[in-house]
Amino acid sequence: MSTADITASVDELIALALEGNWEQAFEKFYDPQIEKTDLDGVPVKGWHENVANGRAFTAKISNLRDFSYVGRVVKDNRSFVVWSFDFDVDGNPFKVVEVAIQDWEDGKIVRERFFE
């Protein structure tokens, strides 16, 4: 997969996420054996496990103040997507600018790690 192909996929993934269609983005762009590590530093392996975690997390979100895309870089088979979030999780404020580092193989994200 070329850098241009990955860039186009990242742009579509971002658009889907901003529309609230994160599950559709996950289905289209994430490998079944995805290894995803959120800010807590705990890796979660497998598509189904990560979707379940995403559903559980989004169910706790309220008072959405900011959910925006800041920027992206794609180099070879790696993409970096910067997000800005400001909302409440279980009534507690959650405000962060984070970067998702994504490794791509055969058109799918096989590993994703988030950092503040």
PDB file of N, CA and C in Angstrom:
ATOM      1  N   MET A   1       0.856  -1.174   0.000  1.00  0.00           N
ATOM      2  CA  MET A   1       0.000   0.000   0.000  1.00  0.00           C
ATOM      3  C   MET A   1       0.899   1.233   0.000  1.00  0.00           C
ATOM      4  N   SER A   2       0.631   2.153  -0.885  1.00  0.00           N
ATOM      5  CA  SER A   2       1.468   3.343  -1.004  1.00  0.00           C
ATOM      6  C   SER A   2       1.109   4.385   0.060  1.00  0.00           C
ATOM      7  N   THR A   3       2.003   5.339   0.235  1.00  0.00           N
ATOM      8  CA  THR A   3       1.740   6.440   1.156  1.00  0.00           C
ATOM      9  C   THR A   3       0.475   7.182   0.737  1.00  0.00           C
ATOM     10  N   ALA A   4       0.276   7.362  -0.563  1.00  0.00           N
ATOM     11  CA  ALA A   4      -0.928   8.043  -1.052  1.00  0.00           C
ATOM     12  C   ALA A   4      -2.197   7.254  -0.708  1.00  0.00           C
ATOM     13  N   ASP A   5      -2.139   5.941  -0.827  1.00  0.00           N
ATOM     14  CA  ASP A   5      -3.291   5.105  -0.475  1.00  0.00           C
ATOM     15  C   ASP A   5      -3.599   5.203   1.023  1.00  0.00           C
ATOM     16  N   ILE A   6      -2.557   5.137   1.832  1.00  0.00           N
ATOM     17  CA  ILE A   6      -2.760   5.239   3.284  1.00  0.00           C
ATOM     18  C   ILE A   6      -3.304   6.614   3.638  1.00  0.00           C
ATOM     19  N   THR A   7      -2.788   7.659   2.993  1.00  0.00           N
ATOM     20  CA  THR A   7      -3.278   9.013   3.253  1.00  0.00           C
ATOM     21  C   THR A   7      -4.770   9.111   2.939  1.00  0.00           C
ATOM     22  N   ALA A   8      -5.195   8.562   1.819  1.00  0.00           N
ATOM     23  CA  ALA A   8      -6.615   8.575   1.458  1.00  0.00           C
ATOM     24  C   ALA A   8      -7.448   7.807   2.487  1.00  0.00           C
ATOM     25  N   SER A   9      -6.935   6.674   2.959  1.00  0.00           N
ATOM     26  CA  SER A   9      -7.643   5.890   3.974  1.00  0.00           C
ATOM     27  C   SER A   9      -7.735   6.647   5.286  1.00  0.00           C
ATOM     28  N   VAL A  10      -6.648   7.289   5.692  1.00  0.00           N
ATOM     29  CA  VAL A  10      -6.654   8.081   6.925  1.00  0.00           C
ATOM     30  C   VAL A  10      -7.661   9.216   6.823  1.00  0.00           C
ATOM     31  N   ASP A  11      -7.695   9.891   5.686  1.00  0.00           N
ATOM     32  CA  ASP A  11      -8.652  10.982   5.505  1.00  0.00           C
ATOM     33  C   ASP A  11     -10.093  10.476   5.604  1.00  0.00           C
ATOM     34  N   GLU A  12     -10.363   9.306   5.036  1.00  0.00           N
ATOM     35  CA  GLU A  12     -11.712   8.742   5.143  1.00  0.00           C
ATOM     36  C   GLU A  12     -12.023   8.322   6.574  1.00  0.00           C
ATOM     37  N   LEU A  13     -11.057   7.732   7.247  1.00  0.00           N
ATOM     38  CA  LEU A  13     -11.232   7.339   8.649  1.00  0.00           C
ATOM     39  C   LEU A  13     -11.559   8.563   9.504  1.00  0.00           C
ATOM     40  N   ILE A  14     -10.836   9.654   9.303  1.00  0.00           N
ATOM     41  CA  ILE A  14     -11.080  10.891  10.057  1.00  0.00           C
ATOM     42  C   ILE A  14     -12.492  11.404   9.786  1.00  0.00           C
ATOM     43  N   ALA A  15     -12.898  11.440   8.522  1.00  0.00           N
ATOM     44  CA  ALA A  15     -14.234  11.922   8.171  1.00  0.00           C
ATOM     45  C   ALA A  15     -15.315  11.079   8.835  1.00  0.00           C
ATOM     46  N   LEU A  16     -15.151   9.762   8.803  1.00  0.00           N
ATOM     47  CA  LEU A  16     -16.138   8.883   9.446  1.00  0.00           C
ATOM     48  C   LEU A  16     -16.197   9.137  10.947  1.00  0.00           C
ATOM     49  N   ALA A  17     -15.047   9.272  11.584  1.00  0.00           N
ATOM     50  CA  ALA A  17     -15.016   9.520  13.035  1.00  0.00           C
ATOM     51  C   ALA A  17     -15.715  10.837  13.376  1.00  0.00           C
ATOM     52  N   LEU A  18     -15.434  11.885  12.608  1.00  0.00           N
ATOM     53  CA  LEU A  18     -16.043  13.188  12.876  1.00  0.00           C
ATOM     54  C   LEU A  18     -17.550  13.181  12.654  1.00  0.00           C
ATOM     55  N   GLU A  19     -18.030  12.291  11.796  1.00  0.00           N
ATOM     56  CA  GLU A  19     -19.474  12.142  11.568  1.00  0.00           C
ATOM     57  C   GLU A  19     -20.129  11.287  12.650  1.00  0.00           C
ATOM     58  N   GLY A  20     -19.330  10.735  13.559  1.00  0.00           N
ATOM     59  CA  GLY A  20     -19.864   9.867  14.605  1.00  0.00           C
ATOM     60  C   GLY A  20     -19.941   8.411  14.197  1.00  0.00           C
ATOM     61  N   ASN A  21     -19.328   8.068  13.082  1.00  0.00           N
ATOM     62  CA  ASN A  21     -19.370   6.696  12.573  1.00  0.00           C
ATOM     63  C   ASN A  21     -18.079   5.943  12.864  1.00  0.00           C
ATOM     64  N   TRP A  22     -17.641   5.990  14.113  1.00  0.00           N
ATOM     65  CA  TRP A  22     -16.366   5.349  14.459  1.00  0.00           C
ATOM     66  C   TRP A  22     -16.429   3.837  14.254  1.00  0.00           C
ATOM     67  N   GLU A  23     -17.587   3.224  14.479  1.00  0.00           N
ATOM     68  CA  GLU A  23     -17.669   1.771  14.287  1.00  0.00           C
ATOM     69  C   GLU A  23     -17.526   1.400  12.809  1.00  0.00           C
ATOM     70  N   GLN A  24     -18.080   2.198  11.927  1.00  0.00           N
ATOM     71  CA  GLN A  24     -17.930   1.966  10.495  1.00  0.00           C
ATOM     72  C   GLN A  24     -16.458   2.115  10.097  1.00  0.00           C
ATOM     73  N   ALA A  25     -15.789   3.130  10.645  1.00  0.00           N
ATOM     74  CA  ALA A  25     -14.353   3.323  10.379  1.00  0.00           C
ATOM     75  C   ALA A  25     -13.558   2.133  10.895  1.00  0.00           C
ATOM     76  N   PHE A  26     -13.917   1.662  12.070  1.00  0.00           N
ATOM     77  CA  PHE A  26     -13.211   0.528  12.659  1.00  0.00           C
ATOM     78  C   PHE A  26     -13.380  -0.707  11.787  1.00  0.00           C
ATOM     79  N   GLU A  27     -14.600  -0.947  11.320  1.00  0.00           N
ATOM     80  CA  GLU A  27     -14.866  -2.118  10.480  1.00  0.00           C
ATOM     81  C   GLU A  27     -14.089  -2.056   9.161  1.00  0.00           C
ATOM     82  N   LYS A  28     -14.005  -0.878   8.592  1.00  0.00           N
ATOM     83  CA  LYS A  28     -13.367  -0.734   7.291  1.00  0.00           C
ATOM     84  C   LYS A  28     -11.840  -0.732   7.351  1.00  0.00           C
ATOM     85  N   PHE A  29     -11.267  -0.138   8.399  1.00  0.00           N
ATOM     86  CA  PHE A  29      -9.835   0.125   8.383  1.00  0.00           C
ATOM     87  C   PHE A  29      -9.001  -0.620   9.425  1.00  0.00           C
ATOM     88  N   TYR A  30      -9.612  -1.386  10.309  1.00  0.00           N
ATOM     89  CA  TYR A  30      -8.850  -2.052  11.364  1.00  0.00           C
ATOM     90  C   TYR A  30      -8.785  -3.552  11.119  1.00  0.00           C
ATOM     91  N   ASP A  31      -7.598  -4.090  11.250  1.00  0.00           N
ATOM     92  CA  ASP A  31      -7.339  -5.516  11.067  1.00  0.00           C
ATOM     93  C   ASP A  31      -8.045  -6.329  12.161  1.00  0.00           C
ATOM     94  N   PRO A  32      -8.518  -7.541  11.860  1.00  0.00           N
ATOM     95  CA  PRO A  32      -9.156  -8.375  12.880  1.00  0.00           C
ATOM     96  C   PRO A  32      -8.263  -8.641  14.102  1.00  0.00           C
ATOM     97  N   GLN A  33      -6.969  -8.618  13.899  1.00  0.00           N
ATOM     98  CA  GLN A  33      -6.033  -8.876  15.010  1.00  0.00           C
ATOM     99  C   GLN A  33      -5.413  -7.586  15.547  1.00  0.00           C
ATOM    100  N   ILE A  34      -6.087  -6.451  15.367  1.00  0.00           N
ATOM    101  CA  ILE A  34      -5.587  -5.155  15.808  1.00  0.00           C
ATOM    102  C   ILE A  34      -5.099  -5.206  17.258  1.00  0.00           C
ATOM    103  N   GLU A  35      -3.978  -4.567  17.490  1.00  0.00           N
ATOM    104  CA  GLU A  35      -3.500  -4.340  18.860  1.00  0.00           C
ATOM    105  C   GLU A  35      -3.557  -2.846  19.105  1.00  0.00           C
ATOM    106  N   LYS A  36      -4.427  -2.437  20.026  1.00  0.00           N
ATOM    107  CA  LYS A  36      -4.683  -1.019  20.287  1.00  0.00           C
ATOM    108  C   LYS A  36      -4.343  -0.710  21.739  1.00  0.00           C
ATOM    109  N   THR A  37      -3.581   0.364  21.923  1.00  0.00           N
ATOM    110  CA  THR A  37      -3.193   0.785  23.265  1.00  0.00           C
ATOM    111  C   THR A  37      -3.663   2.213  23.480  1.00  0.00           C
ATOM    112  N   ASP A  38      -4.624   2.395  24.369  1.00  0.00           N
ATOM    113  CA  ASP A  38      -5.138   3.720  24.678  1.00  0.00           C
ATOM    114  C   ASP A  38      -4.223   4.416  25.685  1.00  0.00           C
ATOM    115  N   LEU A  39      -4.645   5.575  26.162  1.00  0.00           N
ATOM    116  CA  LEU A  39      -3.810   6.360  27.065  1.00  0.00           C
ATOM    117  C   LEU A  39      -3.480   5.649  28.369  1.00  0.00           C
ATOM    118  N   ASP A  40      -4.272   4.648  28.746  1.00  0.00           N
ATOM    119  CA  ASP A  40      -3.994   3.905  29.977  1.00  0.00           C
ATOM    120  C   ASP A  40      -2.784   2.987  29.840  1.00  0.00           C
ATOM    121  N   GLY A  41      -2.280   2.806  28.618  1.00  0.00           N
ATOM    122  CA  GLY A  41      -1.086   1.996  28.396  1.00  0.00           C
ATOM    123  C   GLY A  41      -1.320   0.499  28.340  1.00  0.00           C
ATOM    124  N   VAL A  42      -2.573   0.076  28.402  1.00  0.00           N
ATOM    125  CA  VAL A  42      -2.890  -1.350  28.391  1.00  0.00           C
ATOM    126  C   VAL A  42      -3.271  -1.775  26.974  1.00  0.00           C
ATOM    127  N   PRO A  43      -2.467  -2.653  26.344  1.00  0.00           N
ATOM    128  CA  PRO A  43      -2.807  -3.094  24.997  1.00  0.00           C
ATOM    129  C   PRO A  43      -4.014  -4.035  25.002  1.00  0.00           C
ATOM    130  N   VAL A  44      -4.883  -3.840  24.013  1.00  0.00           N
ATOM    131  CA  VAL A  44      -6.043  -4.708  23.831  1.00  0.00           C
ATOM    132  C   VAL A  44      -5.928  -5.300  22.438  1.00  0.00           C
ATOM    133  N   LYS A  45      -5.986  -6.625  22.349  1.00  0.00           N
ATOM    134  CA  LYS A  45      -5.824  -7.315  21.069  1.00  0.00           C
ATOM    135  C   LYS A  45      -7.164  -7.828  20.575  1.00  0.00           C
ATOM    136  N   GLY A  46      -7.369  -7.671  19.285  1.00  0.00           N
ATOM    137  CA  GLY A  46      -8.563  -8.212  18.650  1.00  0.00           C
ATOM    138  C   GLY A  46      -9.603  -7.155  18.337  1.00  0.00           C
ATOM    139  N   TRP A  47     -10.204  -7.290  17.162  1.00  0.00           N
ATOM    140  CA  TRP A  47     -11.196  -6.343  16.687  1.00  0.00           C
ATOM    141  C   TRP A  47     -12.413  -6.294  17.609  1.00  0.00           C
ATOM    142  N   HIS A  48     -12.968  -7.440  17.941  1.00  0.00           N
ATOM    143  CA  HIS A  48     -14.185  -7.489  18.760  1.00  0.00           C
ATOM    144  C   HIS A  48     -13.952  -6.906  20.148  1.00  0.00           C
ATOM    145  N   GLU A  49     -12.820  -7.202  20.745  1.00  0.00           N
ATOM    146  CA  GLU A  49     -12.503  -6.680  22.065  1.00  0.00           C
ATOM    147  C   GLU A  49     -12.397  -5.161  22.032  1.00  0.00           C
ATOM    148  N   ASN A  50     -11.771  -4.632  20.989  1.00  0.00           N
ATOM    149  CA  ASN A  50     -11.616  -3.188  20.884  1.00  0.00           C
ATOM    150  C   ASN A  50     -12.934  -2.476  20.590  1.00  0.00           C
ATOM    151  N   VAL A  51     -13.784  -3.072  19.783  1.00  0.00           N
ATOM    152  CA  VAL A  51     -15.097  -2.482  19.534  1.00  0.00           C
ATOM    153  C   VAL A  51     -15.917  -2.477  20.826  1.00  0.00           C
ATOM    154  N   ALA A  52     -15.871  -3.554  21.582  1.00  0.00           N
ATOM    155  CA  ALA A  52     -16.591  -3.607  22.860  1.00  0.00           C
ATOM    156  C   ALA A  52     -16.084  -2.514  23.806  1.00  0.00           C
ATOM    157  N   ASN A  53     -14.774  -2.328  23.866  1.00  0.00           N
ATOM    158  CA  ASN A  53     -14.201  -1.262  24.705  1.00  0.00           C
ATOM    159  C   ASN A  53     -14.664   0.110  24.228  1.00  0.00           C
ATOM    160  N   GLY A  54     -14.675   0.317  22.912  1.00  0.00           N
ATOM    161  CA  GLY A  54     -15.118   1.595  22.361  1.00  0.00           C
ATOM    162  C   GLY A  54     -16.573   1.886  22.680  1.00  0.00           C
ATOM    163  N   ARG A  55     -17.411   0.884  22.573  1.00  0.00           N
ATOM    164  CA  ARG A  55     -18.832   1.064  22.908  1.00  0.00           C
ATOM    165  C   ARG A  55     -19.005   1.402  24.386  1.00  0.00           C
ATOM    166  N   ALA A  56     -18.274   0.691  25.247  1.00  0.00           N
ATOM    167  CA  ALA A  56     -18.372   0.942  26.683  1.00  0.00           C
ATOM    168  C   ALA A  56     -17.910   2.361  27.021  1.00  0.00           C
ATOM    169  N   PHE A  57     -16.830   2.801  26.385  1.00  0.00           N
ATOM    170  CA  PHE A  57     -16.311   4.139  26.656  1.00  0.00           C
ATOM    171  C   PHE A  57     -17.271   5.213  26.157  1.00  0.00           C
ATOM    172  N   THR A  58     -17.750   5.082  24.922  1.00  0.00           N
ATOM    173  CA  THR A  58     -18.625   6.121  24.382  1.00  0.00           C
ATOM    174  C   THR A  58     -19.951   6.204  25.135  1.00  0.00           C
ATOM    175  N   ALA A  59     -20.388   5.114  25.738  1.00  0.00           N
ATOM    176  CA  ALA A  59     -21.620   5.138  26.531  1.00  0.00           C
ATOM    177  C   ALA A  59     -21.464   6.000  27.782  1.00  0.00           C
ATOM    178  N   LYS A  60     -20.237   6.241  28.208  1.00  0.00           N
ATOM    179  CA  LYS A  60     -19.964   7.034  29.418  1.00  0.00           C
ATOM    180  C   LYS A  60     -19.771   8.519  29.120  1.00  0.00           C
ATOM    181  N   ILE A  61     -19.762   8.909  27.841  1.00  0.00           N
ATOM    182  CA  ILE A  61     -19.474  10.292  27.455  1.00  0.00           C
ATOM    183  C   ILE A  61     -20.730  11.159  27.549  1.00  0.00           C
ATOM    184  N   SER A  62     -20.544  12.344  28.116  1.00  0.00           N
ATOM    185  CA  SER A  62     -21.606  13.352  28.148  1.00  0.00           C
ATOM    186  C   SER A  62     -20.955  14.733  28.022  1.00  0.00           C
ATOM    187  N   ASN A  63     -21.782  15.731  27.863  1.00  0.00           N
ATOM    188  CA  ASN A  63     -21.317  17.125  27.804  1.00  0.00           C
ATOM    189  C   ASN A  63     -20.168  17.320  26.814  1.00  0.00           C
ATOM    190  N   LEU A  64     -20.379  16.894  25.603  1.00  0.00           N
ATOM    191  CA  LEU A  64     -19.365  17.035  24.560  1.00  0.00           C
ATOM    192  C   LEU A  64     -19.125  18.513  24.264  1.00  0.00           C
ATOM    193  N   ARG A  65     -17.903  18.949  24.516  1.00  0.00           N
ATOM    194  CA  ARG A  65     -17.510  20.332  24.253  1.00  0.00           C
ATOM    195  C   ARG A  65     -16.598  20.429  23.035  1.00  0.00           C
ATOM    196  N   ASP A  66     -15.783  19.408  22.816  1.00  0.00           N
ATOM    197  CA  ASP A  66     -14.871  19.413  21.674  1.00  0.00           C
ATOM    198  C   ASP A  66     -14.553  17.987  21.274  1.00  0.00           C
ATOM    199  N   PHE A  67     -14.681  17.717  20.001  1.00  0.00           N
ATOM    200  CA  PHE A  67     -14.211  16.480  19.380  1.00  0.00           C
ATOM    201  C   PHE A  67     -13.755  16.896  18.002  1.00  0.00           C
ATOM    202  N   SER A  68     -12.455  17.135  17.868  1.00  0.00           N
ATOM    203  CA  SER A  68     -11.987  17.678  16.604  1.00  0.00           C
ATOM    204  C   SER A  68     -10.665  17.054  16.171  1.00  0.00           C
ATOM    205  N   TYR A  69     -10.474  17.129  14.889  1.00  0.00           N
ATOM    206  CA  TYR A  69      -9.258  16.670  14.231  1.00  0.00           C
ATOM    207  C   TYR A  69      -8.304  17.856  14.145  1.00  0.00           C
ATOM    208  N   VAL A  70      -7.041  17.639  14.546  1.00  0.00           N
ATOM    209  CA  VAL A  70      -6.050  18.716  14.556  1.00  0.00           C
ATOM    210  C   VAL A  70      -5.116  18.624  13.353  1.00  0.00           C
ATOM    211  N   GLY A  71      -4.683  17.418  13.010  1.00  0.00           N
ATOM    212  CA  GLY A  71      -3.775  17.267  11.878  1.00  0.00           C
ATOM    213  C   GLY A  71      -3.346  15.828  11.706  1.00  0.00           C
ATOM    214  N   ARG A  72      -2.617  15.568  10.607  1.00  0.00           N
ATOM    215  CA  ARG A  72      -2.139  14.218  10.352  1.00  0.00           C
ATOM    216  C   ARG A  72      -0.862  14.253   9.533  1.00  0.00           C
ATOM    217  N   VAL A  73      -0.080  13.195   9.700  1.00  0.00           N
ATOM    218  CA  VAL A  73       1.134  12.973   8.922  1.00  0.00           C
ATOM    219  C   VAL A  73       1.127  11.503   8.525  1.00  0.00           C
ATOM    220  N   VAL A  74       1.494  11.219   7.289  1.00  0.00           N
ATOM    221  CA  VAL A  74       1.631   9.836   6.832  1.00  0.00           C
ATOM    222  C   VAL A  74       3.027   9.692   6.242  1.00  0.00           C
ATOM    223  N   LYS A  75       3.740   8.686   6.706  1.00  0.00           N
ATOM    224  CA  LYS A  75       5.082   8.395   6.194  1.00  0.00           C
ATOM    225  C   LYS A  75       5.203   6.891   6.057  1.00  0.00           C
ATOM    226  N   ASP A  76       5.426   6.438   4.823  1.00  0.00           N
ATOM    227  CA  ASP A  76       5.527   5.011   4.534  1.00  0.00           C
ATOM    228  C   ASP A  76       4.271   4.305   5.029  1.00  0.00           C
ATOM    229  N   ASN A  77       4.415   3.316   5.930  1.00  0.00           N
ATOM    230  CA  ASN A  77       3.244   2.559   6.400  1.00  0.00           C
ATOM    231  C   ASN A  77       2.778   3.008   7.792  1.00  0.00           C
ATOM    232  N   ARG A  78       3.120   4.231   8.171  1.00  0.00           N
ATOM    233  CA  ARG A  78       2.746   4.734   9.496  1.00  0.00           C
ATOM    234  C   ARG A  78       2.013   6.063   9.343  1.00  0.00           C
ATOM    235  N   SER A  79       0.936   6.206  10.112  1.00  0.00           N
ATOM    236  CA  SER A  79       0.209   7.482  10.136  1.00  0.00           C
ATOM    237  C   SER A  79       0.138   7.990  11.572  1.00  0.00           C
ATOM    238  N   PHE A  80       0.077   9.307  11.676  1.00  0.00           N
ATOM    239  CA  PHE A  80      -0.046  10.004  12.948  1.00  0.00           C
ATOM    240  C   PHE A  80      -1.248  10.925  12.829  1.00  0.00           C
ATOM    241  N   VAL A  81      -2.245  10.734  13.687  1.00  0.00           N
ATOM    242  CA  VAL A  81      -3.445  11.556  13.654  1.00  0.00           C
ATOM    243  C   VAL A  81      -3.578  12.228  15.012  1.00  0.00           C
ATOM    244  N   VAL A  82      -3.719  13.552  14.995  1.00  0.00           N
ATOM    245  CA  VAL A  82      -3.844  14.323  16.234  1.00  0.00           C
ATOM    246  C   VAL A  82      -5.307  14.709  16.419  1.00  0.00           C
ATOM    247  N   TRP A  83      -5.809  14.402  17.618  1.00  0.00           N
ATOM    248  CA  TRP A  83      -7.195  14.675  17.990  1.00  0.00           C
ATOM    249  C   TRP A  83      -7.230  15.588  19.212  1.00  0.00           C
ATOM    250  N   SER A  84      -8.296  16.372  19.313  1.00  0.00           N
ATOM    251  CA  SER A  84      -8.559  17.188  20.492  1.00  0.00           C
ATOM    252  C   SER A  84      -9.915  16.779  21.057  1.00  0.00           C
ATOM    253  N   PHE A  85      -9.940  16.464  22.357  1.00  0.00           N
ATOM    254  CA  PHE A  85     -11.172  16.026  23.016  1.00  0.00           C
ATOM    255  C   PHE A  85     -11.415  16.863  24.266  1.00  0.00           C
ATOM    256  N   ASP A  86     -12.659  17.180  24.496  1.00  0.00           N
ATOM    257  CA  ASP A  86     -13.078  17.829  25.737  1.00  0.00           C
ATOM    258  C   ASP A  86     -14.523  17.425  25.978  1.00  0.00           C
ATOM    259  N   PHE A  87     -14.717  16.527  26.949  1.00  0.00           N
ATOM    260  CA  PHE A  87     -16.041  16.057  27.309  1.00  0.00           C
ATOM    261  C   PHE A  87     -15.962  15.461  28.701  1.00  0.00           C
ATOM    262  N   ASP A  88     -17.081  14.997  29.215  1.00  0.00           N
ATOM    263  CA  ASP A  88     -17.111  14.336  30.521  1.00  0.00           C
ATOM    264  C   ASP A  88     -17.229  12.834  30.315  1.00  0.00           C
ATOM    265  N   VAL A  89     -16.533  12.079  31.169  1.00  0.00           N
ATOM    266  CA  VAL A  89     -16.621  10.628  31.191  1.00  0.00           C
ATOM    267  C   VAL A  89     -17.081  10.243  32.591  1.00  0.00           C
ATOM    268  N   ASP A  90     -18.255   9.637  32.672  1.00  0.00           N
ATOM    269  CA  ASP A  90     -18.867   9.328  33.966  1.00  0.00           C
ATOM    270  C   ASP A  90     -18.945  10.566  34.858  1.00  0.00           C
ATOM    271  N   GLY A  91     -19.214  11.719  34.242  1.00  0.00           N
ATOM    272  CA  GLY A  91     -19.363  12.957  34.983  1.00  0.00           C
ATOM    273  C   GLY A  91     -18.059  13.669  35.312  1.00  0.00           C
ATOM    274  N   ASN A  92     -16.930  13.075  34.947  1.00  0.00           N
ATOM    275  CA  ASN A  92     -15.631  13.680  35.218  1.00  0.00           C
ATOM    276  C   ASN A  92     -15.053  14.291  33.945  1.00  0.00           C
ATOM    277  N   PRO A  93     -14.468  15.497  34.050  1.00  0.00           N
ATOM    278  CA  PRO A  93     -13.907  16.136  32.864  1.00  0.00           C
ATOM    279  C   PRO A  93     -12.779  15.310  32.242  1.00  0.00           C
ATOM    280  N   PHE A  94     -12.779  15.246  30.925  1.00  0.00           N
ATOM    281  CA  PHE A  94     -11.734  14.576  30.149  1.00  0.00           C
ATOM    282  C   PHE A  94     -11.364  15.531  29.032  1.00  0.00           C
ATOM    283  N   LYS A  95     -10.191  16.141  29.136  1.00  0.00           N
ATOM    284  CA  LYS A  95      -9.734  17.099  28.130  1.00  0.00           C
ATOM    285  C   LYS A  95      -8.309  16.730  27.765  1.00  0.00           C
ATOM    286  N   VAL A  96      -8.076  16.471  26.468  1.00  0.00           N
ATOM    287  CA  VAL A  96      -6.758  16.025  26.050  1.00  0.00           C
ATOM    288  C   VAL A  96      -6.565  16.307  24.563  1.00  0.00           C
ATOM    289  N   VAL A  97      -5.329  16.567  24.208  1.00  0.00           N
ATOM    290  CA  VAL A  97      -4.904  16.533  22.807  1.00  0.00           C
ATOM    291  C   VAL A  97      -4.001  15.321  22.712  1.00  0.00           C
ATOM    292  N   GLU A  98      -4.340  14.394  21.833  1.00  0.00           N
ATOM    293  CA  GLU A  98      -3.598  13.144  21.746  1.00  0.00           C
ATOM    294  C   GLU A  98      -3.254  12.815  20.310  1.00  0.00           C
ATOM    295  N   VAL A  99      -2.225  11.994  20.171  1.00  0.00           N
ATOM    296  CA  VAL A  99      -1.836  11.532  18.844  1.00  0.00           C
ATOM    297  C   VAL A  99      -2.032  10.025  18.779  1.00  0.00           C
ATOM    298  N   ALA A 100      -2.638   9.581  17.682  1.00  0.00           N
ATOM    299  CA  ALA A 100      -2.778   8.155  17.409  1.00  0.00           C
ATOM    300  C   ALA A 100      -1.689   7.794  16.402  1.00  0.00           C
ATOM    301  N   ILE A 101      -0.848   6.849  16.772  1.00  0.00           N
ATOM    302  CA  ILE A 101       0.178   6.344  15.872  1.00  0.00           C
ATOM    303  C   ILE A 101      -0.323   5.008  15.343  1.00  0.00           C
ATOM    304  N   GLN A 102      -0.481   4.932  14.020  1.00  0.00           N
ATOM    305  CA  GLN A 102      -1.105   3.767  13.396  1.00  0.00           C
ATOM    306  C   GLN A 102      -0.136   3.109  12.421  1.00  0.00           C
ATOM    307  N   ASP A 103       0.035   1.808  12.561  1.00  0.00           N
ATOM    308  CA  ASP A 103       0.839   1.023  11.630  1.00  0.00           C
ATOM    309  C   ASP A 103      -0.103   0.264  10.708  1.00  0.00           C
ATOM    310  N   TRP A 104       0.149   0.382   9.387  1.00  0.00           N
ATOM    311  CA  TRP A 104      -0.721  -0.173   8.351  1.00  0.00           C
ATOM    312  C   TRP A 104      -0.057  -1.337   7.645  1.00  0.00           C
ATOM    313  N   GLU A 105      -0.870  -2.364   7.359  1.00  0.00           N
ATOM    314  CA  GLU A 105      -0.453  -3.497   6.520  1.00  0.00           C
ATOM    315  C   GLU A 105      -1.652  -3.914   5.677  1.00  0.00           C
ATOM    316  N   ASP A 106      -1.449  -4.047   4.386  1.00  0.00           N
ATOM    317  CA  ASP A 106      -2.491  -4.523   3.471  1.00  0.00           C
ATOM    318  C   ASP A 106      -3.799  -3.755   3.620  1.00  0.00           C
ATOM    319  N   GLY A 107      -3.710  -2.442   3.787  1.00  0.00           N
ATOM    320  CA  GLY A 107      -4.897  -1.603   3.836  1.00  0.00           C
ATOM    321  C   GLY A 107      -5.613  -1.543   5.168  1.00  0.00           C
ATOM    322  N   LYS A 108      -5.025  -2.137   6.201  1.00  0.00           N
ATOM    323  CA  LYS A 108      -5.659  -2.160   7.521  1.00  0.00           C
ATOM    324  C   LYS A 108      -4.670  -1.691   8.586  1.00  0.00           C
ATOM    325  N   ILE A 109      -5.205  -1.133   9.648  1.00  0.00           N
ATOM    326  CA  ILE A 109      -4.386  -0.749  10.802  1.00  0.00           C
ATOM    327  C   ILE A 109      -4.179  -2.012  11.638  1.00  0.00           C
ATOM    328  N   VAL A 110      -2.916  -2.381  11.849  1.00  0.00           N
ATOM    329  CA  VAL A 110      -2.608  -3.580  12.626  1.00  0.00           C
ATOM    330  C   VAL A 110      -2.177  -3.234  14.057  1.00  0.00           C
ATOM    331  N   ARG A 111      -1.743  -1.986  14.248  1.00  0.00           N
ATOM    332  CA  ARG A 111      -1.367  -1.539  15.593  1.00  0.00           C
ATOM    333  C   ARG A 111      -1.633  -0.050  15.701  1.00  0.00           C
ATOM    334  N   GLU A 112      -2.210   0.328  16.849  1.00  0.00           N
ATOM    335  CA  GLU A 112      -2.511   1.742  17.101  1.00  0.00           C
ATOM    336  C   GLU A 112      -2.205   2.042  18.563  1.00  0.00           C
ATOM    337  N   ARG A 113      -1.470   3.146  18.765  1.00  0.00           N
ATOM    338  CA  ARG A 113      -1.103   3.565  20.116  1.00  0.00           C
ATOM    339  C   ARG A 113      -1.429   5.043  20.277  1.00  0.00           C
ATOM    340  N   PHE A 114      -1.950   5.399  21.433  1.00  0.00           N
ATOM    341  CA  PHE A 114      -2.322   6.790  21.716  1.00  0.00           C
ATOM    342  C   PHE A 114      -1.389   7.369  22.773  1.00  0.00           C
ATOM    343  N   PHE A 115      -0.979   8.619  22.534  1.00  0.00           N
ATOM    344  CA  PHE A 115      -0.100   9.344  23.460  1.00  0.00           C
ATOM    345  C   PHE A 115      -0.614  10.769  23.630  1.00  0.00           C
ATOM    346  N   GLU A 116      -0.429  11.308  24.839  1.00  0.00           N
ATOM    347  CA  GLU A 116      -0.755  12.722  25.094  1.00  0.00           C
ATOM    348  C   GLU A 116       0.395  13.581  24.638  1.00  0.00           C
TER     349      GLU A 116
END
